[in-house]
Amino acid sequence: MKYDDASWHYGGKYPEALSRQNAYTHAGMFLAWALVNDLGGELHRRDQAEALASLRARRISPGQYFSQYCDGKLTDEDLNGRGNAFARTYYENHYLQDYVSTLASALDSPYHVEDTWENFEKISRVITRRFDTWAADRHKH
């Protein structure tokens, strides 16, 4: 299952002045959060161990990791079972609204968000709150 693909973004009403690399930032931030929180798929631990270590050490940005090691596609292979369960609920329904309200409300578009660790920290706090609520709700049932 494919949750997102950078080509879906730079193929439409994408701002002409921006590099295509900017289309990788939003999904890269989500994937980096999942990987840092042990919700990543075996693929990353097995095949991308060195790159994953660079991401965790913040030597490579979330968007760079996503473009270089995921070909700009966020799929169910990128996440483990728990990560996929959360992504099906959150990424598909609420993530982009949270991303825009947290990082892009004062910008020309969501694609203008800089691929920085400072921005990652901001959105990471929001995703973590959403995850904690989701996990608590699942635990009740």
N, C-alpha and C. Protein backbone atom coordinates (compact mmCIF):
# COMPACT_ATOMS: atom_id res chain seq x y z
N MET A 1 0.85 -1.18 0.00
CA MET A 1 0.00 0.00 0.00
C MET A 1 0.89 1.24 0.00
N LYS A 2 0.53 2.21 -0.82
CA LYS A 2 1.29 3.44 -0.90
C LYS A 2 0.51 4.56 -0.20
N TYR A 3 1.13 5.17 0.81
CA TYR A 3 0.51 6.28 1.53
C TYR A 3 0.75 7.61 0.81
N ASP A 4 1.93 7.76 0.25
CA ASP A 4 2.29 9.03 -0.36
C ASP A 4 3.38 8.79 -1.39
N ASP A 5 3.52 9.73 -2.30
CA ASP A 5 4.53 9.66 -3.35
C ASP A 5 4.87 11.11 -3.71
N ALA A 6 6.12 11.47 -3.65
CA ALA A 6 6.52 12.84 -3.96
C ALA A 6 6.05 13.26 -5.35
N SER A 7 6.02 12.33 -6.29
CA SER A 7 5.60 12.68 -7.65
C SER A 7 4.14 13.12 -7.71
N TRP A 8 3.33 12.69 -6.76
CA TRP A 8 1.95 13.15 -6.70
C TRP A 8 1.91 14.66 -6.44
N HIS A 9 2.91 15.16 -5.77
CA HIS A 9 2.93 16.56 -5.37
C HIS A 9 3.58 17.46 -6.41
N TYR A 10 4.75 17.10 -6.90
CA TYR A 10 5.39 17.99 -7.86
C TYR A 10 4.82 17.85 -9.26
N GLY A 11 3.86 16.98 -9.45
CA GLY A 11 3.23 16.84 -10.74
C GLY A 11 2.02 17.74 -10.94
N GLY A 12 1.49 18.34 -9.90
CA GLY A 12 0.27 19.13 -9.99
C GLY A 12 0.51 20.62 -9.90
N LYS A 13 -0.13 21.23 -8.90
CA LYS A 13 -0.04 22.68 -8.70
C LYS A 13 1.18 23.04 -7.87
N TYR A 14 2.27 22.39 -8.15
CA TYR A 14 3.51 22.59 -7.40
C TYR A 14 4.13 23.93 -7.78
N PRO A 15 4.61 24.70 -6.79
CA PRO A 15 5.22 26.00 -7.09
C PRO A 15 6.44 25.85 -8.02
N GLU A 16 6.40 26.53 -9.15
CA GLU A 16 7.44 26.41 -10.16
C GLU A 16 8.82 26.79 -9.66
N ALA A 17 8.90 27.76 -8.76
CA ALA A 17 10.19 28.26 -8.30
C ALA A 17 10.90 27.31 -7.33
N LEU A 18 10.19 26.34 -6.81
CA LEU A 18 10.78 25.43 -5.82
C LEU A 18 11.43 24.22 -6.47
N SER A 19 12.46 23.75 -5.82
CA SER A 19 13.09 22.50 -6.23
C SER A 19 12.12 21.35 -5.96
N ARG A 20 12.19 20.31 -6.76
CA ARG A 20 11.36 19.13 -6.52
C ARG A 20 11.68 18.49 -5.18
N GLN A 21 12.86 18.72 -4.67
CA GLN A 21 13.27 18.16 -3.39
C GLN A 21 12.30 18.56 -2.27
N ASN A 22 11.70 19.73 -2.39
CA ASN A 22 10.77 20.20 -1.37
C ASN A 22 9.52 19.31 -1.27
N ALA A 23 9.20 18.57 -2.32
CA ALA A 23 8.03 17.69 -2.31
C ALA A 23 8.27 16.46 -1.43
N TYR A 24 9.51 16.25 -0.99
CA TYR A 24 9.85 15.10 -0.16
C TYR A 24 9.77 15.40 1.33
N THR A 25 9.69 16.65 1.69
CA THR A 25 9.82 17.05 3.09
C THR A 25 8.71 16.52 3.98
N HIS A 26 7.45 16.70 3.62
CA HIS A 26 6.36 16.34 4.53
C HIS A 26 6.34 14.84 4.83
N ALA A 27 6.45 14.01 3.82
CA ALA A 27 6.46 12.56 4.05
C ALA A 27 7.75 12.13 4.73
N GLY A 28 8.85 12.81 4.39
CA GLY A 28 10.12 12.51 5.04
C GLY A 28 10.09 12.78 6.53
N MET A 29 9.39 13.82 6.92
CA MET A 29 9.26 14.14 8.35
C MET A 29 8.47 13.04 9.07
N PHE A 30 7.39 12.59 8.45
CA PHE A 30 6.60 11.53 9.08
C PHE A 30 7.41 10.24 9.17
N LEU A 31 8.06 9.87 8.09
CA LEU A 31 8.84 8.63 8.11
C LEU A 31 9.97 8.73 9.12
N ALA A 32 10.66 9.85 9.18
CA ALA A 32 11.74 10.01 10.16
C ALA A 32 11.20 9.85 11.58
N TRP A 33 10.04 10.43 11.85
CA TRP A 33 9.43 10.27 13.17
C TRP A 33 9.19 8.78 13.45
N ALA A 34 8.63 8.07 12.48
CA ALA A 34 8.35 6.64 12.66
C ALA A 34 9.64 5.86 12.90
N LEU A 35 10.67 6.16 12.14
CA LEU A 35 11.93 5.44 12.28
C LEU A 35 12.59 5.71 13.63
N VAL A 36 12.58 6.95 14.05
CA VAL A 36 13.16 7.32 15.34
C VAL A 36 12.39 6.69 16.50
N ASN A 37 11.11 6.44 16.29
CA ASN A 37 10.25 5.88 17.34
C ASN A 37 10.02 4.38 17.18
N ASP A 38 10.92 3.72 16.49
CA ASP A 38 10.89 2.26 16.32
C ASP A 38 9.60 1.74 15.69
N LEU A 39 9.07 2.50 14.75
CA LEU A 39 7.87 2.08 14.02
C LEU A 39 8.20 1.80 12.55
N GLY A 40 9.49 1.77 12.24
CA GLY A 40 9.93 1.53 10.88
C GLY A 40 9.91 0.05 10.52
N GLY A 41 9.82 -0.21 9.23
CA GLY A 41 9.82 -1.57 8.73
C GLY A 41 11.21 -2.18 8.74
N GLU A 42 11.24 -3.48 8.64
CA GLU A 42 12.49 -4.24 8.62
C GLU A 42 13.41 -3.78 7.49
N LEU A 43 12.83 -3.37 6.41
CA LEU A 43 13.57 -2.88 5.25
C LEU A 43 14.62 -1.85 5.64
N HIS A 44 14.26 -0.93 6.51
CA HIS A 44 15.19 0.13 6.90
C HIS A 44 16.30 -0.39 7.80
N ARG A 45 15.96 -1.27 8.71
CA ARG A 45 16.98 -1.83 9.61
C ARG A 45 17.93 -2.76 8.85
N ARG A 46 17.38 -3.51 7.92
CA ARG A 46 18.16 -4.52 7.20
C ARG A 46 18.95 -3.91 6.04
N ASP A 47 18.26 -3.20 5.16
CA ASP A 47 18.87 -2.73 3.93
C ASP A 47 19.44 -1.32 4.00
N GLN A 48 18.98 -0.54 4.94
CA GLN A 48 19.41 0.86 5.03
C GLN A 48 20.03 1.18 6.38
N ALA A 49 20.66 0.22 7.00
CA ALA A 49 21.17 0.40 8.37
C ALA A 49 22.11 1.59 8.50
N GLU A 50 23.02 1.75 7.56
CA GLU A 50 23.97 2.87 7.62
C GLU A 50 23.25 4.20 7.43
N ALA A 51 22.34 4.25 6.47
CA ALA A 51 21.58 5.48 6.22
C ALA A 51 20.69 5.80 7.42
N LEU A 52 20.09 4.76 8.00
CA LEU A 52 19.25 4.95 9.18
C LEU A 52 20.08 5.51 10.34
N ALA A 53 21.29 5.02 10.51
CA ALA A 53 22.17 5.56 11.54
C ALA A 53 22.48 7.03 11.28
N SER A 54 22.67 7.40 10.01
CA SER A 54 22.92 8.80 9.66
C SER A 54 21.70 9.67 9.96
N LEU A 55 20.52 9.12 9.70
CA LEU A 55 19.29 9.86 10.02
C LEU A 55 19.18 10.07 11.52
N ARG A 56 19.35 9.00 12.28
CA ARG A 56 19.24 9.10 13.73
C ARG A 56 20.28 10.05 14.33
N ALA A 57 21.45 10.11 13.71
CA ALA A 57 22.51 11.01 14.18
C ALA A 57 22.34 12.42 13.61
N ARG A 58 21.32 12.61 12.79
CA ARG A 58 20.99 13.90 12.17
C ARG A 58 22.08 14.42 11.24
N ARG A 59 22.74 13.48 10.57
CA ARG A 59 23.71 13.84 9.55
C ARG A 59 23.05 13.95 8.18
N ILE A 60 21.82 13.47 8.10
CA ILE A 60 21.02 13.57 6.88
C ILE A 60 19.62 14.01 7.33
N SER A 61 19.01 14.88 6.54
CA SER A 61 17.69 15.41 6.92
C SER A 61 16.58 14.41 6.57
N PRO A 62 15.40 14.58 7.17
CA PRO A 62 14.28 13.70 6.87
C PRO A 62 13.94 13.65 5.37
N GLY A 63 13.88 14.79 4.74
CA GLY A 63 13.56 14.83 3.31
C GLY A 63 14.63 14.18 2.45
N GLN A 64 15.90 14.40 2.82
CA GLN A 64 16.99 13.77 2.09
C GLN A 64 16.92 12.25 2.21
N TYR A 65 16.69 11.76 3.43
CA TYR A 65 16.58 10.32 3.63
C TYR A 65 15.45 9.77 2.77
N PHE A 66 14.31 10.42 2.80
CA PHE A 66 13.14 9.97 2.06
C PHE A 66 13.40 9.94 0.56
N SER A 67 14.05 10.96 0.04
CA SER A 67 14.30 11.00 -1.40
C SER A 67 15.39 10.01 -1.82
N GLN A 68 16.43 9.87 -1.00
CA GLN A 68 17.56 9.03 -1.38
C GLN A 68 17.34 7.54 -1.12
N TYR A 69 16.60 7.20 -0.08
CA TYR A 69 16.50 5.81 0.32
C TYR A 69 15.09 5.22 0.19
N CYS A 70 14.12 6.05 -0.15
CA CYS A 70 12.75 5.56 -0.31
C CYS A 70 12.18 5.90 -1.68
N ASP A 71 13.00 6.50 -2.52
CA ASP A 71 12.57 6.86 -3.86
C ASP A 71 11.33 7.76 -3.84
N GLY A 72 11.15 8.50 -2.74
CA GLY A 72 10.03 9.42 -2.64
C GLY A 72 8.68 8.77 -2.45
N LYS A 73 8.69 7.49 -2.07
CA LYS A 73 7.43 6.78 -1.88
C LYS A 73 7.33 6.28 -0.44
N LEU A 74 6.23 6.61 0.22
CA LEU A 74 5.96 6.13 1.57
C LEU A 74 4.97 4.98 1.44
N THR A 75 5.44 3.77 1.76
CA THR A 75 4.60 2.59 1.60
C THR A 75 4.52 1.80 2.90
N ASP A 76 3.67 0.79 2.90
CA ASP A 76 3.53 -0.04 4.09
C ASP A 76 4.82 -0.80 4.41
N GLU A 77 5.71 -0.98 3.46
CA GLU A 77 7.00 -1.63 3.72
C GLU A 77 7.91 -0.76 4.58
N ASP A 78 7.67 0.55 4.58
CA ASP A 78 8.50 1.47 5.36
C ASP A 78 8.19 1.42 6.85
N LEU A 79 7.06 0.82 7.20
CA LEU A 79 6.60 0.81 8.59
C LEU A 79 6.38 -0.61 9.09
N ASN A 80 6.47 -0.79 10.39
CA ASN A 80 6.13 -2.09 10.96
C ASN A 80 4.61 -2.16 11.16
N GLY A 81 4.11 -3.24 11.75
CA GLY A 81 2.67 -3.41 11.92
C GLY A 81 2.02 -2.27 12.68
N ARG A 82 2.61 -1.90 13.80
CA ARG A 82 2.06 -0.80 14.61
C ARG A 82 2.15 0.52 13.86
N GLY A 83 3.26 0.74 13.17
CA GLY A 83 3.42 1.96 12.39
C GLY A 83 2.39 2.06 11.29
N ASN A 84 2.09 0.95 10.62
CA ASN A 84 1.07 0.94 9.57
C ASN A 84 -0.32 1.17 10.14
N ALA A 85 -0.61 0.57 11.27
CA ALA A 85 -1.93 0.78 11.88
C ALA A 85 -2.13 2.26 12.20
N PHE A 86 -1.10 2.90 12.72
CA PHE A 86 -1.19 4.32 13.02
C PHE A 86 -1.28 5.15 11.74
N ALA A 87 -0.46 4.83 10.76
CA ALA A 87 -0.46 5.59 9.51
C ALA A 87 -1.80 5.52 8.79
N ARG A 88 -2.43 4.35 8.82
CA ARG A 88 -3.74 4.22 8.16
C ARG A 88 -4.77 5.16 8.79
N THR A 89 -4.66 5.37 10.07
CA THR A 89 -5.58 6.27 10.75
C THR A 89 -5.14 7.72 10.65
N TYR A 90 -3.89 7.97 10.98
CA TYR A 90 -3.41 9.34 11.12
C TYR A 90 -2.89 9.95 9.81
N TYR A 91 -1.96 9.28 9.16
CA TYR A 91 -1.34 9.88 7.97
C TYR A 91 -2.39 10.18 6.91
N GLU A 92 -3.26 9.24 6.69
CA GLU A 92 -4.26 9.40 5.64
C GLU A 92 -5.35 10.41 5.97
N ASN A 93 -5.58 10.69 7.25
CA ASN A 93 -6.71 11.55 7.62
C ASN A 93 -6.36 12.88 8.28
N HIS A 94 -5.23 12.95 8.97
CA HIS A 94 -4.97 14.15 9.75
C HIS A 94 -3.57 14.74 9.58
N TYR A 95 -2.63 13.95 9.12
CA TYR A 95 -1.24 14.41 9.12
C TYR A 95 -1.04 15.71 8.34
N LEU A 96 -1.53 15.79 7.13
CA LEU A 96 -1.27 16.99 6.33
C LEU A 96 -1.85 18.24 6.97
N GLN A 97 -3.02 18.13 7.59
CA GLN A 97 -3.58 19.29 8.28
C GLN A 97 -2.68 19.71 9.45
N ASP A 98 -2.20 18.72 10.21
CA ASP A 98 -1.28 19.03 11.32
C ASP A 98 0.02 19.63 10.80
N TYR A 99 0.52 19.09 9.71
CA TYR A 99 1.77 19.58 9.11
C TYR A 99 1.62 21.05 8.70
N VAL A 100 0.53 21.34 8.01
CA VAL A 100 0.30 22.71 7.55
C VAL A 100 0.10 23.65 8.73
N SER A 101 -0.74 23.29 9.69
CA SER A 101 -1.00 24.20 10.81
C SER A 101 0.24 24.38 11.70
N THR A 102 1.07 23.38 11.78
CA THR A 102 2.27 23.47 12.63
C THR A 102 3.43 24.16 11.93
N LEU A 103 3.60 23.91 10.63
CA LEU A 103 4.82 24.38 9.96
C LEU A 103 4.59 25.33 8.79
N ALA A 104 3.43 25.33 8.20
CA ALA A 104 3.27 26.06 6.94
C ALA A 104 2.21 27.14 6.95
N SER A 105 1.59 27.42 8.08
CA SER A 105 0.47 28.36 8.08
C SER A 105 0.87 29.77 7.62
N ALA A 106 2.12 30.16 7.84
CA ALA A 106 2.56 31.50 7.43
C ALA A 106 3.34 31.47 6.11
N LEU A 107 3.38 30.32 5.45
CA LEU A 107 4.15 30.18 4.21
C LEU A 107 3.23 30.17 2.99
N ASP A 108 3.82 30.30 1.82
CA ASP A 108 3.04 30.30 0.58
C ASP A 108 2.39 28.96 0.29
N SER A 109 3.03 27.87 0.73
CA SER A 109 2.48 26.53 0.52
C SER A 109 3.17 25.57 1.49
N PRO A 110 2.62 24.38 1.65
CA PRO A 110 3.28 23.37 2.49
C PRO A 110 4.65 22.98 1.94
N TYR A 111 4.86 23.19 0.65
CA TYR A 111 6.13 22.82 0.03
C TYR A 111 7.25 23.81 0.36
N HIS A 112 6.89 24.93 0.96
CA HIS A 112 7.89 25.92 1.35
C HIS A 112 8.50 25.62 2.73
N VAL A 113 8.03 24.60 3.41
CA VAL A 113 8.60 24.21 4.71
C VAL A 113 10.02 23.72 4.48
N GLU A 114 10.94 24.23 5.27
CA GLU A 114 12.34 23.82 5.14
C GLU A 114 12.54 22.45 5.77
N ASP A 115 13.37 21.67 5.12
CA ASP A 115 13.71 20.32 5.56
C ASP A 115 14.81 20.41 6.62
N THR A 116 14.41 20.83 7.83
CA THR A 116 15.38 21.03 8.91
C THR A 116 14.99 20.20 10.13
N TRP A 117 15.97 19.98 10.99
CA TRP A 117 15.69 19.25 12.22
C TRP A 117 14.88 20.09 13.19
N GLU A 118 14.98 21.40 13.09
CA GLU A 118 14.15 22.28 13.93
C GLU A 118 12.67 22.08 13.57
N ASN A 119 12.37 22.06 12.29
CA ASN A 119 10.99 21.81 11.86
C ASN A 119 10.55 20.39 12.22
N PHE A 120 11.47 19.44 12.11
CA PHE A 120 11.15 18.07 12.50
C PHE A 120 10.73 18.03 13.97
N GLU A 121 11.45 18.72 14.83
CA GLU A 121 11.12 18.74 16.26
C GLU A 121 9.71 19.27 16.49
N LYS A 122 9.35 20.31 15.76
CA LYS A 122 8.02 20.90 15.91
C LYS A 122 6.92 19.92 15.51
N ILE A 123 7.05 19.31 14.34
CA ILE A 123 6.00 18.39 13.88
C ILE A 123 6.06 17.09 14.67
N SER A 124 7.23 16.71 15.11
CA SER A 124 7.38 15.48 15.89
C SER A 124 6.56 15.53 17.17
N ARG A 125 6.54 16.68 17.83
CA ARG A 125 5.74 16.82 19.06
C ARG A 125 4.26 16.59 18.76
N VAL A 126 3.79 17.10 17.63
CA VAL A 126 2.39 16.94 17.25
C VAL A 126 2.09 15.48 16.93
N ILE A 127 2.96 14.85 16.14
CA ILE A 127 2.74 13.44 15.78
C ILE A 127 2.75 12.57 17.03
N THR A 128 3.67 12.85 17.93
CA THR A 128 3.76 12.05 19.17
C THR A 128 2.48 12.17 19.98
N ARG A 129 1.93 13.38 20.10
CA ARG A 129 0.66 13.55 20.82
C ARG A 129 -0.45 12.75 20.13
N ARG A 130 -0.51 12.84 18.81
CA ARG A 130 -1.51 12.09 18.06
C ARG A 130 -1.33 10.59 18.25
N PHE A 131 -0.08 10.13 18.24
CA PHE A 131 0.20 8.71 18.42
C PHE A 131 -0.22 8.25 19.82
N ASP A 132 0.12 9.04 20.82
CA ASP A 132 -0.23 8.68 22.19
C ASP A 132 -1.75 8.58 22.36
N THR A 133 -2.49 9.50 21.77
CA THR A 133 -3.95 9.46 21.82
C THR A 133 -4.47 8.23 21.09
N TRP A 134 -3.93 7.98 19.91
CA TRP A 134 -4.32 6.81 19.12
C TRP A 134 -4.04 5.52 19.89
N ALA A 135 -2.87 5.42 20.49
CA ALA A 135 -2.50 4.20 21.23
C ALA A 135 -3.41 4.01 22.45
N ALA A 136 -3.72 5.09 23.14
CA ALA A 136 -4.60 5.00 24.31
C ALA A 136 -6.00 4.56 23.89
N ASP A 137 -6.50 5.11 22.78
CA ASP A 137 -7.82 4.72 22.29
C ASP A 137 -7.85 3.25 21.89
N ARG A 138 -6.80 2.77 21.28
CA ARG A 138 -6.73 1.35 20.88
C ARG A 138 -6.67 0.45 22.10
N HIS A 139 -6.00 0.92 23.11
CA HIS A 139 -5.85 0.12 24.33
C HIS A 139 -7.20 -0.05 25.06
N LYS A 140 -8.08 0.95 24.93
CA LYS A 140 -9.40 0.90 25.57
C LYS A 140 -10.28 -0.18 24.96
N HIS A 141 -10.05 -0.48 23.67
CA HIS A 141 -10.95 -1.41 22.96
C HIS A 141 -10.46 -2.81 23.04
